[in-house]
Amino acid sequence: GTSFSGGPDLNAPLVTDRPDFTEASSTVGRGVIQLELGYTYIYDNDGVNRTIVHSYPEPLVRIGMFSEWLEFRIAKNSNDESLNLQDNAGAQDLYTGFKIALTPQEGCLPEMAIIPQALIPTGDDYFSNDEFLPGLNWIYSWEINDFISTAGSTQFNRAIDPGSDEAYTEWAQSWTFAYTLTEKWGAFTEWFAFFPSSAETAKPEHYFNGGFTYLVNDNFQWDIRAGTGLNSAADDYFVGTGFSMRFPRFAR
């Protein structure tokens, strides 16, 4: 019943996919380029193996193209990993996809988007899956009032079992709450989990995380986050920081 012009307001602060696990349910807008970067320290000790991972620079390039509702996405990350004091470093597989905005929020109906996505085997031998791994991510969100909003995502992706090297379907679910503390400061709390289907050795993993964002200006945001695993299969904890930049001058 309500008329929508479509696309984000470029005079309003940027909306980012980081630092939480749940992606934004909006696109960046036609002609806009948005760059999101970060670093994460991950620690896990299951009593047998001790793993430390430095993940960087976590680049995600988001490009609005052809229409307000379409966004092209590409990312290429690197890891430094220490497993029982044995070090490995290199690039991960290339991530690519398209975010397609479906609906704005109208009353109790959420703002929604889907992301057809894939990992392309271009990483270094130690970190590559050596297979094309497609998937789909469905995102939905509600702005409740000026202080709080909430969102979730449901996705499934083809994955490789680390024990058997066989392919399986990995489901992922998340739910996040975002809080507007001031005009500059924001915060979030979130649960997310991975559920392997038909995997031989991969187990479900549950996490809780939270963090803060600081809006330097409408086109630049800094973030910090920390999280912990909620079951034995999950990593023990992780901490990270990053920033996001929007370049609206490329818009029409």
C-alpha atoms as a PDB file:
ATOM      1  CA  GLY A   1       0.000   0.000   0.000  1.00  0.00           C
ATOM      2  CA  THR A   2       2.922   2.417   0.542  1.00  0.00           C
ATOM      3  CA  SER A   3       4.895   3.941  -2.310  1.00  0.00           C
ATOM      4  CA  PHE A   4       8.661   3.321  -2.207  1.00  0.00           C
ATOM      5  CA  SER A   5      11.195   5.056  -4.402  1.00  0.00           C
ATOM      6  CA  GLY A   6      13.734   2.256  -3.991  1.00  0.00           C
ATOM      7  CA  GLY A   7      17.396   2.373  -3.086  1.00  0.00           C
ATOM      8  CA  PRO A   8      19.156   3.765  -0.018  1.00  0.00           C
ATOM      9  CA  ASP A   9      19.252   7.430   0.969  1.00  0.00           C
ATOM     10  CA  LEU A  10      22.813   8.496   0.128  1.00  0.00           C
ATOM     11  CA  ASN A  11      22.432  11.487   2.465  1.00  0.00           C
ATOM     12  CA  ALA A  12      21.961   9.068   5.378  1.00  0.00           C
ATOM     13  CA  PRO A  13      24.752   7.047   7.066  1.00  0.00           C
ATOM     14  CA  LEU A  14      26.022   3.988   5.228  1.00  0.00           C
ATOM     15  CA  VAL A  15      24.648   0.529   6.103  1.00  0.00           C
ATOM     16  CA  THR A  16      27.317  -2.176   6.396  1.00  0.00           C
ATOM     17  CA  ASP A  17      27.449  -5.966   6.296  1.00  0.00           C
ATOM     18  CA  ARG A  18      30.087  -6.041   9.051  1.00  0.00           C
ATOM     19  CA  PRO A  19      30.885  -6.517  11.894  1.00  0.00           C
ATOM     20  CA  ASP A  20      28.142  -9.040  12.712  1.00  0.00           C
ATOM     21  CA  PHE A  21      27.552 -12.367  10.956  1.00  0.00           C
ATOM     22  CA  THR A  22      24.110 -11.323   9.660  1.00  0.00           C
ATOM     23  CA  GLU A  23      24.343  -9.395   6.396  1.00  0.00           C
ATOM     24  CA  ALA A  24      22.385  -6.183   5.851  1.00  0.00           C
ATOM     25  CA  SER A  25      19.022  -6.660   4.147  1.00  0.00           C
ATOM     26  CA  SER A  26      19.603  -3.615   1.917  1.00  0.00           C
ATOM     27  CA  THR A  27      21.793  -2.998  -1.127  1.00  0.00           C
ATOM     28  CA  VAL A  28      24.253  -0.114  -1.475  1.00  0.00           C
ATOM     29  CA  GLY A  29      22.399   1.539  -4.372  1.00  0.00           C
ATOM     30  CA  ARG A  30      23.063   1.811  -8.094  1.00  0.00           C
ATOM     31  CA  GLY A  31      26.453   3.303  -8.902  1.00  0.00           C
ATOM     32  CA  VAL A  32      27.705   3.149  -5.293  1.00  0.00           C
ATOM     33  CA  ILE A  33      30.924   1.345  -4.307  1.00  0.00           C
ATOM     34  CA  GLN A  34      31.373   0.245  -0.701  1.00  0.00           C
ATOM     35  CA  LEU A  35      34.566  -1.300   0.701  1.00  0.00           C
ATOM     36  CA  GLU A  36      34.572  -3.190   4.017  1.00  0.00           C
ATOM     37  CA  LEU A  37      37.832  -4.378   5.630  1.00  0.00           C
ATOM     38  CA  GLY A  38      38.832  -5.996   8.919  1.00  0.00           C
ATOM     39  CA  TYR A  39      41.000  -8.257  11.043  1.00  0.00           C
ATOM     40  CA  THR A  40      39.990 -11.144  13.336  1.00  0.00           C
ATOM     41  CA  TYR A  41      42.002 -13.131  15.894  1.00  0.00           C
ATOM     42  CA  ILE A  42      40.564 -16.634  16.489  1.00  0.00           C
ATOM     43  CA  TYR A  43      41.659 -19.028  19.253  1.00  0.00           C
ATOM     44  CA  ASP A  44      40.613 -22.646  19.827  1.00  0.00           C
ATOM     45  CA  ASN A  45      41.977 -25.393  22.072  1.00  0.00           C
ATOM     46  CA  ASP A  46      39.979 -28.631  22.144  1.00  0.00           C
ATOM     47  CA  GLY A  47      42.418 -30.453  24.409  1.00  0.00           C
ATOM     48  CA  VAL A  48      44.162 -32.133  21.467  1.00  0.00           C
ATOM     49  CA  ASN A  49      44.771 -29.338  18.969  1.00  0.00           C
ATOM     50  CA  ARG A  50      45.598 -25.701  19.678  1.00  0.00           C
ATOM     51  CA  THR A  51      44.742 -23.380  16.792  1.00  0.00           C
ATOM     52  CA  ILE A  52      45.399 -19.661  16.412  1.00  0.00           C
ATOM     53  CA  VAL A  53      44.209 -17.845  13.297  1.00  0.00           C
ATOM     54  CA  HIS A  54      44.868 -14.290  12.135  1.00  0.00           C
ATOM     55  CA  SER A  55      42.273 -13.435   9.473  1.00  0.00           C
ATOM     56  CA  TYR A  56      42.908 -10.355   7.307  1.00  0.00           C
ATOM     57  CA  PRO A  57      42.206  -8.082   5.498  1.00  0.00           C
ATOM     58  CA  GLU A  58      38.662  -9.512   5.194  1.00  0.00           C
ATOM     59  CA  PRO A  59      37.879  -7.344   2.149  1.00  0.00           C
ATOM     60  CA  LEU A  60      34.336  -7.189   0.844  1.00  0.00           C
ATOM     61  CA  VAL A  61      33.694  -4.987  -2.194  1.00  0.00           C
ATOM     62  CA  ARG A  62      30.022  -4.156  -2.794  1.00  0.00           C
ATOM     63  CA  ILE A  63      29.073  -2.533  -6.092  1.00  0.00           C
ATOM     64  CA  GLY A  64      25.555  -1.344  -6.927  1.00  0.00           C
ATOM     65  CA  MET A  65      24.907  -2.004 -10.582  1.00  0.00           C
ATOM     66  CA  PHE A  66      22.119  -1.757 -13.186  1.00  0.00           C
ATOM     67  CA  SER A  67      19.387  -1.077 -10.600  1.00  0.00           C
ATOM     68  CA  GLU A  68      18.866   0.047  -7.000  1.00  0.00           C
ATOM     69  CA  TRP A  69      17.994  -3.505  -5.965  1.00  0.00           C
ATOM     70  CA  LEU A  70      21.100  -5.269  -7.358  1.00  0.00           C
ATOM     71  CA  GLU A  71      24.539  -5.451  -5.775  1.00  0.00           C
ATOM     72  CA  PHE A  72      27.615  -7.351  -6.957  1.00  0.00           C
ATOM     73  CA  ARG A  73      29.876  -8.673  -4.182  1.00  0.00           C
ATOM     74  CA  ILE A  74      33.421 -10.015  -4.204  1.00  0.00           C
ATOM     75  CA  ALA A  75      35.895 -10.900  -1.433  1.00  0.00           C
ATOM     76  CA  LYS A  76      39.333 -12.496  -1.160  1.00  0.00           C
ATOM     77  CA  ASN A  77      40.676 -13.099   2.363  1.00  0.00           C
ATOM     78  CA  SER A  78      43.948 -14.454   3.774  1.00  0.00           C
ATOM     79  CA  ASN A  79      44.808 -16.432   6.913  1.00  0.00           C
ATOM     80  CA  ASP A  80      47.865 -16.947   9.084  1.00  0.00           C
ATOM     81  CA  GLU A  81      47.191 -20.168  11.003  1.00  0.00           C
ATOM     82  CA  SER A  82      49.190 -21.857  13.739  1.00  0.00           C
ATOM     83  CA  LEU A  83      48.112 -25.459  14.414  1.00  0.00           C
ATOM     84  CA  ASN A  84      50.085 -27.032  17.258  1.00  0.00           C
ATOM     85  CA  LEU A  85      52.949 -24.610  16.491  1.00  0.00           C
ATOM     86  CA  GLN A  86      52.942 -25.539  12.785  1.00  0.00           C
ATOM     87  CA  ASP A  87      52.406 -22.353  10.781  1.00  0.00           C
ATOM     88  CA  ASN A  88      50.596 -21.942   7.471  1.00  0.00           C
ATOM     89  CA  ALA A  89      49.759 -18.729   5.647  1.00  0.00           C
ATOM     90  CA  GLY A  90      47.965 -18.000   2.415  1.00  0.00           C
ATOM     91  CA  ALA A  91      44.893 -16.851   0.554  1.00  0.00           C
ATOM     92  CA  GLN A  92      41.448 -18.391   0.895  1.00  0.00           C
ATOM     93  CA  ASP A  93      39.085 -19.156  -1.968  1.00  0.00           C
ATOM     94  CA  LEU A  94      37.441 -16.273  -3.805  1.00  0.00           C
ATOM     95  CA  TYR A  95      33.933 -15.357  -2.616  1.00  0.00           C
ATOM     96  CA  THR A  96      31.479 -13.813  -5.055  1.00  0.00           C
ATOM     97  CA  GLY A  97      27.749 -13.250  -5.249  1.00  0.00           C
ATOM     98  CA  PHE A  98      24.848 -10.893  -5.942  1.00  0.00           C
ATOM     99  CA  LYS A  99      22.627  -9.310  -3.300  1.00  0.00           C
ATOM    100  CA  ILE A 100      19.075  -8.880  -4.570  1.00  0.00           C
ATOM    101  CA  ALA A 101      16.781  -6.615  -2.547  1.00  0.00           C
ATOM    102  CA  LEU A 102      13.281  -8.093  -2.414  1.00  0.00           C
ATOM    103  CA  THR A 103      11.013  -5.973  -0.206  1.00  0.00           C
ATOM    104  CA  PRO A 104      11.170  -2.920   2.062  1.00  0.00           C
ATOM    105  CA  GLN A 105       9.727  -3.141   5.559  1.00  0.00           C
ATOM    106  CA  GLU A 106       6.014  -2.414   5.639  1.00  0.00           C
ATOM    107  CA  GLY A 107       4.342  -2.825   9.001  1.00  0.00           C
ATOM    108  CA  CYS A 108       5.157  -6.249  10.387  1.00  0.00           C
ATOM    109  CA  LEU A 109       6.465  -7.443   7.014  1.00  0.00           C
ATOM    110  CA  PRO A 110      10.288  -7.374   7.010  1.00  0.00           C
ATOM    111  CA  GLU A 111      12.774  -5.810   4.679  1.00  0.00           C
ATOM    112  CA  MET A 112      14.224  -8.790   2.784  1.00  0.00           C
ATOM    113  CA  ALA A 113      17.052  -9.692   0.424  1.00  0.00           C
ATOM    114  CA  ILE A 114      18.645 -12.846  -0.968  1.00  0.00           C
ATOM    115  CA  ILE A 115      22.266 -13.497  -1.903  1.00  0.00           C
ATOM    116  CA  PRO A 116      23.101 -16.224  -4.434  1.00  0.00           C
ATOM    117  CA  GLN A 117      26.762 -16.794  -3.609  1.00  0.00           C
ATOM    118  CA  ALA A 118      29.712 -19.117  -4.175  1.00  0.00           C
ATOM    119  CA  LEU A 119      33.283 -19.916  -3.241  1.00  0.00           C
ATOM    120  CA  ILE A 120      35.565 -20.343  -6.263  1.00  0.00           C
ATOM    121  CA  PRO A 121      38.670 -22.546  -5.735  1.00  0.00           C
ATOM    122  CA  THR A 122      41.425 -19.966  -6.205  1.00  0.00           C
ATOM    123  CA  GLY A 123      43.087 -20.134  -2.767  1.00  0.00           C
ATOM    124  CA  ASP A 124      46.440 -21.535  -1.714  1.00  0.00           C
ATOM    125  CA  ASP A 125      46.573 -25.319  -1.383  1.00  0.00           C
ATOM    126  CA  TYR A 126      46.317 -25.427   2.419  1.00  0.00           C
ATOM    127  CA  PHE A 127      43.262 -23.136   2.564  1.00  0.00           C
ATOM    128  CA  SER A 128      41.425 -24.012  -0.664  1.00  0.00           C
ATOM    129  CA  ASN A 129      38.406 -26.321  -0.804  1.00  0.00           C
ATOM    130  CA  ASP A 130      39.415 -27.345  -4.355  1.00  0.00           C
ATOM    131  CA  GLU A 131      35.762 -27.304  -5.414  1.00  0.00           C
ATOM    132  CA  PHE A 132      33.160 -24.790  -6.563  1.00  0.00           C
ATOM    133  CA  LEU A 133      30.858 -24.311  -3.545  1.00  0.00           C
ATOM    134  CA  PRO A 134      27.551 -22.526  -4.269  1.00  0.00           C
ATOM    135  CA  GLY A 135      25.001 -21.359  -1.725  1.00  0.00           C
ATOM    136  CA  LEU A 136      22.076 -19.043  -0.979  1.00  0.00           C
ATOM    137  CA  ASN A 137      21.545 -16.552   1.860  1.00  0.00           C
ATOM    138  CA  TRP A 138      18.099 -15.152   2.826  1.00  0.00           C
ATOM    139  CA  ILE A 139      18.110 -12.037   5.042  1.00  0.00           C
ATOM    140  CA  TYR A 140      15.180 -10.357   6.828  1.00  0.00           C
ATOM    141  CA  SER A 141      15.065  -7.373   9.189  1.00  0.00           C
ATOM    142  CA  TRP A 142      12.746  -5.105  11.160  1.00  0.00           C
ATOM    143  CA  GLU A 143      13.350  -1.593  12.474  1.00  0.00           C
ATOM    144  CA  ILE A 144      11.357  -1.600  15.716  1.00  0.00           C
ATOM    145  CA  ASN A 145      11.956   1.997  16.830  1.00  0.00           C
ATOM    146  CA  ASP A 146      14.691   4.655  16.829  1.00  0.00           C
ATOM    147  CA  PHE A 147      16.707   2.658  19.380  1.00  0.00           C
ATOM    148  CA  ILE A 148      16.505  -0.981  18.348  1.00  0.00           C
ATOM    149  CA  SER A 149      16.272  -3.092  15.205  1.00  0.00           C
ATOM    150  CA  THR A 150      16.484  -6.836  14.679  1.00  0.00           C
ATOM    151  CA  ALA A 151      17.417  -9.119  11.803  1.00  0.00           C
ATOM    152  CA  GLY A 152      18.087 -12.731  10.931  1.00  0.00           C
ATOM    153  CA  SER A 153      19.535 -14.788   8.127  1.00  0.00           C
ATOM    154  CA  THR A 154      19.004 -18.337   6.903  1.00  0.00           C
ATOM    155  CA  GLN A 155      21.453 -19.824   4.439  1.00  0.00           C
ATOM    156  CA  PHE A 156      22.678 -23.071   3.001  1.00  0.00           C
ATOM    157  CA  ASN A 157      26.016 -23.654   1.304  1.00  0.00           C
ATOM    158  CA  ARG A 158      27.891 -26.570  -0.184  1.00  0.00           C
ATOM    159  CA  ALA A 159      30.881 -27.316   2.073  1.00  0.00           C
ATOM    160  CA  ILE A 160      33.743 -29.809   2.368  1.00  0.00           C
ATOM    161  CA  ASP A 161      34.062 -32.063   5.428  1.00  0.00           C
ATOM    162  CA  PRO A 162      37.539 -31.465   6.946  1.00  0.00           C
ATOM    163  CA  GLY A 163      37.846 -35.105   8.032  1.00  0.00           C
ATOM    164  CA  SER A 164      36.607 -37.008   4.983  1.00  0.00           C
ATOM    165  CA  ASP A 165      37.051 -34.348   2.236  1.00  0.00           C
ATOM    166  CA  GLU A 166      33.514 -35.186   1.085  1.00  0.00           C
ATOM    167  CA  ALA A 167      30.960 -32.524   0.166  1.00  0.00           C
ATOM    168  CA  TYR A 168      27.897 -31.855   2.325  1.00  0.00           C
ATOM    169  CA  THR A 169      25.266 -29.146   2.837  1.00  0.00           C
ATOM    170  CA  GLU A 170      25.948 -26.676   5.650  1.00  0.00           C
ATOM    171  CA  TRP A 171      22.984 -24.704   6.982  1.00  0.00           C
ATOM    172  CA  ALA A 172      23.592 -21.474   8.892  1.00  0.00           C
ATOM    173  CA  GLN A 173      21.172 -19.488  11.036  1.00  0.00           C
ATOM    174  CA  SER A 174      21.641 -16.173  12.810  1.00  0.00           C
ATOM    175  CA  TRP A 175      19.713 -13.580  14.786  1.00  0.00           C
ATOM    176  CA  THR A 176      20.993 -10.132  15.728  1.00  0.00           C
ATOM    177  CA  PHE A 177      19.820  -7.071  17.642  1.00  0.00           C
ATOM    178  CA  ALA A 178      21.252  -3.638  16.790  1.00  0.00           C
ATOM    179  CA  TYR A 179      21.097  -0.652  19.142  1.00  0.00           C
ATOM    180  CA  THR A 180      21.449   3.054  18.316  1.00  0.00           C
ATOM    181  CA  LEU A 181      23.241   4.493  21.361  1.00  0.00           C
ATOM    182  CA  THR A 182      23.967   7.995  20.019  1.00  0.00           C
ATOM    183  CA  GLU A 183      24.194   9.653  16.615  1.00  0.00           C
ATOM    184  CA  LYS A 184      27.738   8.248  16.320  1.00  0.00           C
ATOM    185  CA  TRP A 185      27.770   5.084  18.442  1.00  0.00           C
ATOM    186  CA  GLY A 186      25.943   1.830  17.781  1.00  0.00           C
ATOM    187  CA  ALA A 187      26.084  -1.661  19.271  1.00  0.00           C
ATOM    188  CA  PHE A 188      24.882  -5.181  18.530  1.00  0.00           C
ATOM    189  CA  THR A 189      24.442  -8.605  20.106  1.00  0.00           C
ATOM    190  CA  GLU A 190      24.040 -11.749  18.019  1.00  0.00           C
ATOM    191  CA  TRP A 191      23.730 -15.525  17.977  1.00  0.00           C
ATOM    192  CA  PHE A 192      24.731 -17.559  14.939  1.00  0.00           C
ATOM    193  CA  ALA A 193      25.264 -21.253  14.257  1.00  0.00           C
ATOM    194  CA  PHE A 194      26.297 -23.751  11.593  1.00  0.00           C
ATOM    195  CA  PHE A 195      24.448 -27.045  11.067  1.00  0.00           C
ATOM    196  CA  PRO A 196      26.115 -29.666   8.842  1.00  0.00           C
ATOM    197  CA  SER A 197      23.792 -32.022   6.982  1.00  0.00           C
ATOM    198  CA  SER A 198      25.138 -35.457   5.930  1.00  0.00           C
ATOM    199  CA  ALA A 199      28.677 -34.623   7.080  1.00  0.00           C
ATOM    200  CA  GLU A 200      30.858 -37.418   8.423  1.00  0.00           C
ATOM    201  CA  THR A 201      32.963 -35.460  10.926  1.00  0.00           C
ATOM    202  CA  ALA A 202      31.764 -31.817  10.919  1.00  0.00           C
ATOM    203  CA  LYS A 203      29.647 -30.957  13.990  1.00  0.00           C
ATOM    204  CA  PRO A 204      27.163 -28.136  14.721  1.00  0.00           C
ATOM    205  CA  GLU A 205      28.800 -24.947  15.995  1.00  0.00           C
ATOM    206  CA  HIS A 206      27.053 -22.222  18.032  1.00  0.00           C
ATOM    207  CA  TYR A 207      28.422 -18.723  18.744  1.00  0.00           C
ATOM    208  CA  PHE A 208      27.470 -15.554  20.594  1.00  0.00           C
ATOM    209  CA  ASN A 209      29.083 -12.229  19.765  1.00  0.00           C
ATOM    210  CA  GLY A 210      28.656  -8.503  20.218  1.00  0.00           C
ATOM    211  CA  GLY A 211      30.375  -5.249  19.463  1.00  0.00           C
ATOM    212  CA  PHE A 212      30.283  -1.532  18.798  1.00  0.00           C
ATOM    213  CA  THR A 213      30.343   0.725  15.752  1.00  0.00           C
ATOM    214  CA  TYR A 214      31.450   4.354  15.518  1.00  0.00           C
ATOM    215  CA  LEU A 215      30.279   6.537  12.634  1.00  0.00           C
ATOM    216  CA  VAL A 216      33.142   8.878  11.741  1.00  0.00           C
ATOM    217  CA  ASN A 217      30.961  10.443   9.051  1.00  0.00           C
ATOM    218  CA  ASP A 218      28.090   9.307   6.839  1.00  0.00           C
ATOM    219  CA  ASN A 219      30.501   7.419   4.556  1.00  0.00           C
ATOM    220  CA  PHE A 220      33.007   5.952   7.050  1.00  0.00           C
ATOM    221  CA  GLN A 221      32.392   3.590   9.977  1.00  0.00           C
ATOM    222  CA  TRP A 222      34.772   1.869  12.418  1.00  0.00           C
ATOM    223  CA  ASP A 223      33.803  -1.311  14.287  1.00  0.00           C
ATOM    224  CA  ILE A 224      35.018  -3.672  17.005  1.00  0.00           C
ATOM    225  CA  ARG A 225      33.617  -7.051  18.064  1.00  0.00           C
ATOM    226  CA  ALA A 226      34.245 -10.099  20.239  1.00  0.00           C
ATOM    227  CA  GLY A 227      32.570 -13.483  20.469  1.00  0.00           C
ATOM    228  CA  THR A 228      32.705 -16.887  22.087  1.00  0.00           C
ATOM    229  CA  GLY A 229      31.814 -20.426  21.102  1.00  0.00           C
ATOM    230  CA  LEU A 230      28.826 -21.924  22.903  1.00  0.00           C
ATOM    231  CA  ASN A 231      29.639 -25.623  22.416  1.00  0.00           C
ATOM    232  CA  SER A 232      32.717 -27.826  22.235  1.00  0.00           C
ATOM    233  CA  ALA A 233      32.829 -27.975  18.429  1.00  0.00           C
ATOM    234  CA  ALA A 234      32.974 -24.168  18.134  1.00  0.00           C
ATOM    235  CA  ASP A 235      36.112 -22.035  18.404  1.00  0.00           C
ATOM    236  CA  ASP A 236      36.807 -20.869  21.960  1.00  0.00           C
ATOM    237  CA  TYR A 237      36.724 -17.137  21.206  1.00  0.00           C
ATOM    238  CA  PHE A 238      37.447 -14.445  18.620  1.00  0.00           C
ATOM    239  CA  VAL A 239      38.045 -10.685  18.601  1.00  0.00           C
ATOM    240  CA  GLY A 240      38.253  -8.322  15.668  1.00  0.00           C
ATOM    241  CA  THR A 241      38.059  -4.819  14.307  1.00  0.00           C
ATOM    242  CA  GLY A 242      37.538  -3.169  10.951  1.00  0.00           C
ATOM    243  CA  PHE A 243      36.097  -0.287   9.001  1.00  0.00           C
ATOM    244  CA  SER A 244      33.786   0.414   6.069  1.00  0.00           C
ATOM    245  CA  MET A 245      33.919   3.151   3.412  1.00  0.00           C
ATOM    246  CA  ARG A 246      31.216   4.229   0.983  1.00  0.00           C
ATOM    247  CA  PHE A 247      31.968   6.044  -2.270  1.00  0.00           C
ATOM    248  CA  PRO A 248      28.664   7.612  -3.366  1.00  0.00           C
ATOM    249  CA  ARG A 249      30.376   9.909  -5.870  1.00  0.00           C
ATOM    250  CA  PHE A 250      30.360   7.013  -8.326  1.00  0.00           C
ATOM    251  CA  ALA A 251      26.543   7.009  -8.250  1.00  0.00           C
ATOM    252  CA  ARG A 252      24.560   8.292 -11.193  1.00  0.00           C
END
